[in-house]
């Protein structure tokens, strides 16, 4: 499950998304329209653990992704499906729009996180990763244990 940000405004947002991507097991992170810059918020050194890709525009990205991927726009837009009941496609590629605008490419599948206002783009991406992970665990498609550096199962502790 790759995650990408279009025209990210700050390196901190990308760094935070990259850290979440590593921790939730995303397959890659990419940017469209803005290149990655190392930021202190990427405390796990994501670029050394998962592919970090940069695309000048959507055409370059579309030329690189497999035919059977399903683009999922994460947007505050009319008609977007609430993430609450959303079934994540097995071969999804998640597209996060800029915080000060909307995705410049249309997607057939759009999801929204039900909040009062828009979220920080890295927070929104992290919530989508969490939602996908928890639904996979619930449906038996992923292990329910998450080892931590301290050797604890954080999900088991959270259920207590």
Protein backbone atom coordinates (compact mmCIF):
# COMPACT_ATOMS: atom_id res chain seq x y z
CA UNK A 1 0.00 0.00 0.00
CA UNK A 2 1.89 3.07 -1.19
CA UNK A 3 1.00 6.53 0.15
CA UNK A 4 1.71 9.79 -1.61
CA UNK A 5 1.39 13.52 -1.05
CA UNK A 6 0.77 16.02 -3.81
CA UNK A 7 2.59 19.34 -3.45
CA UNK A 8 3.37 18.92 0.23
CA UNK A 9 3.99 22.25 1.92
CA UNK A 10 6.46 21.16 4.57
CA UNK A 11 9.18 18.56 4.94
CA UNK A 12 7.84 17.83 8.44
CA UNK A 13 4.55 16.55 7.00
CA UNK A 14 6.35 14.20 4.65
CA UNK A 15 8.73 13.08 7.41
CA UNK A 16 5.82 12.29 9.72
CA UNK A 17 3.99 10.39 6.97
CA UNK A 18 7.16 8.43 6.23
CA UNK A 19 7.58 7.47 9.87
CA UNK A 20 3.98 6.25 10.03
CA UNK A 21 4.44 4.37 6.74
CA UNK A 22 7.38 2.43 8.16
CA UNK A 23 5.54 1.62 11.39
CA UNK A 24 2.31 0.53 9.65
CA UNK A 25 4.12 -1.49 6.98
CA UNK A 26 3.33 0.64 3.93
CA UNK A 27 5.17 -0.48 0.81
CA UNK A 28 6.35 3.00 -0.28
CA UNK A 29 5.89 6.74 0.05
CA UNK A 30 5.94 9.12 -2.86
CA UNK A 31 5.61 12.79 -3.62
CA UNK A 32 4.09 14.44 -6.65
CA UNK A 33 5.32 17.93 -7.43
CA UNK A 34 7.77 18.27 -4.56
CA UNK A 35 10.91 16.36 -3.67
CA UNK A 36 11.73 14.73 -0.35
CA UNK A 37 13.95 16.63 2.01
CA UNK A 38 15.30 14.96 5.14
CA UNK A 39 13.44 16.26 8.17
CA UNK A 40 13.89 15.57 11.90
CA UNK A 41 10.29 14.28 12.02
CA UNK A 42 11.47 11.20 10.07
CA UNK A 43 12.98 9.67 13.19
CA UNK A 44 13.08 6.12 11.76
CA UNK A 45 15.12 6.94 8.63
CA UNK A 46 12.32 5.78 6.36
CA UNK A 47 14.35 6.26 3.18
CA UNK A 48 16.57 3.39 4.35
CA UNK A 49 13.62 1.08 5.05
CA UNK A 50 11.03 1.61 2.28
CA UNK A 51 11.18 3.14 -1.18
CA UNK A 52 10.71 6.92 -1.24
CA UNK A 53 9.86 8.04 -4.75
CA UNK A 54 9.49 11.46 -6.37
CA UNK A 55 7.40 12.30 -9.42
CA UNK A 56 7.28 15.65 -11.18
CA UNK A 57 3.62 15.23 -12.06
CA UNK A 58 0.75 12.75 -12.16
CA UNK A 59 1.64 11.52 -15.66
CA UNK A 60 5.04 10.37 -14.42
CA UNK A 61 3.41 8.62 -11.46
CA UNK A 62 0.75 6.96 -13.61
CA UNK A 63 3.46 5.61 -15.88
CA UNK A 64 5.16 3.95 -12.91
CA UNK A 65 2.29 2.20 -11.14
CA UNK A 66 0.99 -1.28 -12.00
CA UNK A 67 -2.18 -1.53 -14.07
CA UNK A 68 -4.25 -3.18 -11.34
CA UNK A 69 -3.64 -0.62 -8.57
CA UNK A 70 -6.69 1.27 -7.33
CA UNK A 71 -6.07 5.01 -6.71
CA UNK A 72 -7.83 6.13 -3.52
CA UNK A 73 -8.08 9.89 -2.97
CA UNK A 74 -8.13 11.03 0.66
CA UNK A 75 -10.10 14.25 0.38
CA UNK A 76 -12.68 16.53 1.90
CA UNK A 77 -14.95 16.44 -1.12
CA UNK A 78 -18.64 16.02 -1.84
CA UNK A 79 -19.49 12.39 -2.47
CA UNK A 80 -16.41 10.94 -0.75
CA UNK A 81 -17.13 7.76 1.21
CA UNK A 82 -16.61 7.85 4.96
CA UNK A 83 -13.59 5.83 6.05
CA UNK A 84 -15.76 4.35 8.81
CA UNK A 85 -17.45 1.86 6.45
CA UNK A 86 -14.83 1.85 3.71
CA UNK A 87 -13.42 -1.45 2.46
CA UNK A 88 -9.81 -0.86 1.49
CA UNK A 89 -8.92 -2.30 -1.93
CA UNK A 90 -6.21 -4.94 -1.70
CA UNK A 91 -4.09 -3.08 -4.28
CA UNK A 92 -4.78 0.50 -3.20
CA UNK A 93 -2.48 3.44 -3.80
CA UNK A 94 -3.45 6.30 -1.47
CA UNK A 95 -3.28 9.86 -2.77
CA UNK A 96 -3.25 12.74 -0.27
CA UNK A 97 -3.95 16.21 -1.57
CA UNK A 98 -2.22 19.38 -0.49
CA UNK A 99 -3.43 20.91 2.77
CA UNK A 100 -4.21 24.20 1.06
CA UNK A 101 -6.07 22.73 -1.91
CA UNK A 102 -7.45 19.58 -3.50
CA UNK A 103 -5.98 16.73 -5.50
CA UNK A 104 -5.36 17.88 -9.05
CA UNK A 105 -6.13 14.41 -10.44
CA UNK A 106 -9.59 12.85 -10.27
CA UNK A 107 -9.95 9.46 -8.61
CA UNK A 108 -12.95 7.14 -8.89
CA UNK A 109 -12.57 6.19 -5.23
CA UNK A 110 -12.46 8.95 -2.61
CA UNK A 111 -12.59 8.62 1.14
CA UNK A 112 -13.06 11.17 3.88
CA UNK A 113 -12.21 11.03 7.58
CA UNK A 114 -15.23 12.35 9.49
CA UNK A 115 -13.93 15.39 11.35
CA UNK A 116 -15.19 18.92 11.88
CA UNK A 117 -12.44 20.45 9.75
CA UNK A 118 -9.57 19.31 7.58
CA UNK A 119 -6.66 17.45 9.15
CA UNK A 120 -2.94 17.83 8.75
CA UNK A 121 -1.99 15.76 5.69
CA UNK A 122 0.42 13.51 7.64
CA UNK A 123 -2.20 12.92 10.34
CA UNK A 124 -4.81 12.05 7.70
CA UNK A 125 -2.43 9.60 6.03
CA UNK A 126 -1.58 8.01 9.37
CA UNK A 127 -5.27 7.58 10.22
CA UNK A 128 -5.87 5.85 6.88
CA UNK A 129 -2.91 3.52 7.55
CA UNK A 130 -4.27 2.74 11.01
CA UNK A 131 -7.77 2.11 9.66
CA UNK A 132 -6.47 -0.23 6.96
CA UNK A 133 -4.32 -2.11 9.50
CA UNK A 134 -7.09 -2.50 12.09
CA UNK A 135 -9.61 -3.70 9.49
CA UNK A 136 -7.06 -6.24 8.19
CA UNK A 137 -6.53 -7.52 11.75
CA UNK A 138 -10.29 -7.64 12.36
CA UNK A 139 -10.82 -9.59 9.14
CA UNK A 140 -7.97 -12.02 9.84
CA UNK A 141 -5.72 -10.76 7.03
CA UNK A 142 -2.98 -9.49 9.36
CA UNK A 143 -1.40 -10.52 12.65
CA UNK A 144 -2.78 -8.90 15.78
CA UNK A 145 0.63 -8.45 17.39
CA UNK A 146 2.83 -5.44 16.94
CA UNK A 147 6.30 -5.86 18.41
CA UNK A 148 7.82 -2.70 19.84
CA UNK A 149 11.43 -1.84 20.65
CA UNK A 150 10.55 -2.71 24.25
CA UNK A 151 9.26 -6.14 23.21
CA UNK A 152 5.65 -5.45 24.21
CA UNK A 153 2.52 -6.20 22.20
CA UNK A 154 0.98 -2.73 22.11
CA UNK A 155 -2.30 -3.92 20.60
CA UNK A 156 -2.79 -6.55 23.33
CA UNK A 157 -2.08 -3.90 25.98
CA UNK A 158 -4.58 -1.53 24.38
CA UNK A 159 -7.31 -4.19 24.54
CA UNK A 160 -6.93 -4.55 28.35
